Amino acid sequence: MDPKGYPYLEGIAFSAKSDHVIEAITQTPNKDVPMNLSYAQLIIHNVGEEYNYTEIDSCDFAGMYKVVEFSPRLWQLFSEQAL
């Protein structure tokens, strides 16, 4: 993992609840776990196919969230991925 991502996981404990569910327990209340997990250094990228970051259709972020909308370097809107 990229060391730049460590601060975004600090204070979050993860545990497997089932084959498809994880639990995230935070040390501080109201921590924005989805936002922390969306940090670029933590996102799993599918590098098997070419894509760029200029169009949403060319991005493949495999993981618990699907990118619905985004503006490079400004914001991202996610929805839960179907398992």
Protein backbone atom coordinates (compact mmCIF):
# COMPACT_ATOMS: atom_id res chain seq x y z
CA MET A 1 0.00 0.00 0.00
CA ASP A 2 1.11 3.54 -0.69
CA PRO A 3 2.28 5.08 2.63
CA LYS A 4 0.38 8.27 1.73
CA GLY A 5 -2.81 6.32 2.43
CA TYR A 6 -2.01 5.44 6.07
CA PRO A 7 -3.46 8.63 7.62
CA TYR A 8 -6.82 7.87 5.98
CA LEU A 9 -7.01 4.49 7.74
CA GLU A 10 -5.78 5.72 11.10
CA GLY A 11 -8.40 5.29 13.82
CA ILE A 12 -10.47 2.77 11.83
CA ALA A 13 -10.54 -0.93 12.79
CA PHE A 14 -11.87 -3.35 10.16
CA SER A 15 -13.23 -6.85 10.73
CA ALA A 16 -14.87 -9.39 8.43
CA LYS A 17 -18.50 -10.08 9.33
CA SER A 18 -19.15 -12.43 6.41
CA ASP A 19 -17.77 -13.23 2.97
CA HIS A 20 -19.28 -10.00 1.63
CA VAL A 21 -19.51 -7.67 4.65
CA ILE A 22 -16.87 -5.80 6.64
CA GLU A 23 -17.37 -3.77 9.80
CA ALA A 24 -15.52 -0.51 10.35
CA ILE A 25 -15.27 0.73 13.93
CA THR A 26 -13.86 4.23 14.40
CA GLN A 27 -12.05 5.68 17.41
CA THR A 28 -13.84 9.00 16.97
CA PRO A 29 -17.57 9.46 16.37
CA ASN A 30 -18.89 10.66 13.02
CA LYS A 31 -15.73 9.79 11.09
CA ASP A 32 -16.51 9.83 7.36
CA VAL A 33 -15.40 6.27 6.50
CA PRO A 34 -16.64 6.28 2.86
CA MET A 35 -14.79 9.54 2.21
CA ASN A 36 -11.60 8.22 3.81
CA LEU A 37 -11.80 5.02 1.75
CA SER A 38 -12.24 7.02 -1.46
CA TYR A 39 -8.75 8.54 -1.15
CA ALA A 40 -6.89 7.80 -4.39
CA GLN A 41 -4.03 5.91 -2.72
CA LEU A 42 -6.52 3.42 -1.21
CA ILE A 43 -8.69 2.73 -4.25
CA ILE A 44 -8.11 -0.58 -5.99
CA HIS A 45 -7.47 0.11 -9.66
CA ASN A 46 -8.04 -2.33 -12.50
CA VAL A 47 -4.88 -1.86 -14.53
CA GLY A 48 -5.57 -4.73 -16.93
CA GLU A 49 -7.28 -2.38 -19.39
CA GLU A 50 -6.39 1.13 -20.43
CA TYR A 51 -8.38 3.98 -18.93
CA ASN A 52 -7.90 7.58 -17.99
CA TYR A 53 -9.30 9.95 -15.40
CA THR A 54 -11.07 12.36 -17.73
CA GLU A 55 -14.31 10.44 -18.26
CA ILE A 56 -16.33 8.44 -15.76
CA ASP A 57 -16.83 5.57 -18.23
CA SER A 58 -13.08 5.02 -18.50
CA CYS A 59 -12.54 4.61 -14.74
CA ASP A 60 -12.80 1.17 -13.19
CA PHE A 61 -12.62 1.37 -9.41
CA ALA A 62 -13.13 -2.20 -8.25
CA GLY A 63 -14.21 -2.22 -4.64
CA MET A 64 -17.15 -1.50 -2.37
CA TYR A 65 -18.13 1.71 -4.16
CA LYS A 66 -19.02 2.51 -7.77
CA VAL A 67 -18.21 5.95 -9.14
CA VAL A 68 -21.44 7.66 -10.17
CA GLU A 69 -20.05 11.10 -10.97
CA PHE A 70 -16.75 12.87 -10.56
CA SER A 71 -14.81 15.95 -11.47
CA PRO A 72 -11.02 15.38 -11.54
CA ARG A 73 -9.27 16.80 -8.46
CA LEU A 74 -12.55 18.32 -7.19
CA TRP A 75 -15.13 15.76 -6.06
CA GLN A 76 -16.44 12.20 -6.41
CA LEU A 77 -19.93 10.76 -5.93
CA PHE A 78 -20.14 7.04 -5.10
CA SER A 79 -22.87 4.45 -4.75
CA GLU A 80 -22.56 1.03 -3.19
CA GLN A 81 -21.38 -1.69 -5.57
CA ALA A 82 -23.66 -4.69 -5.98
CA LEU A 83 -21.93 -7.79 -4.62
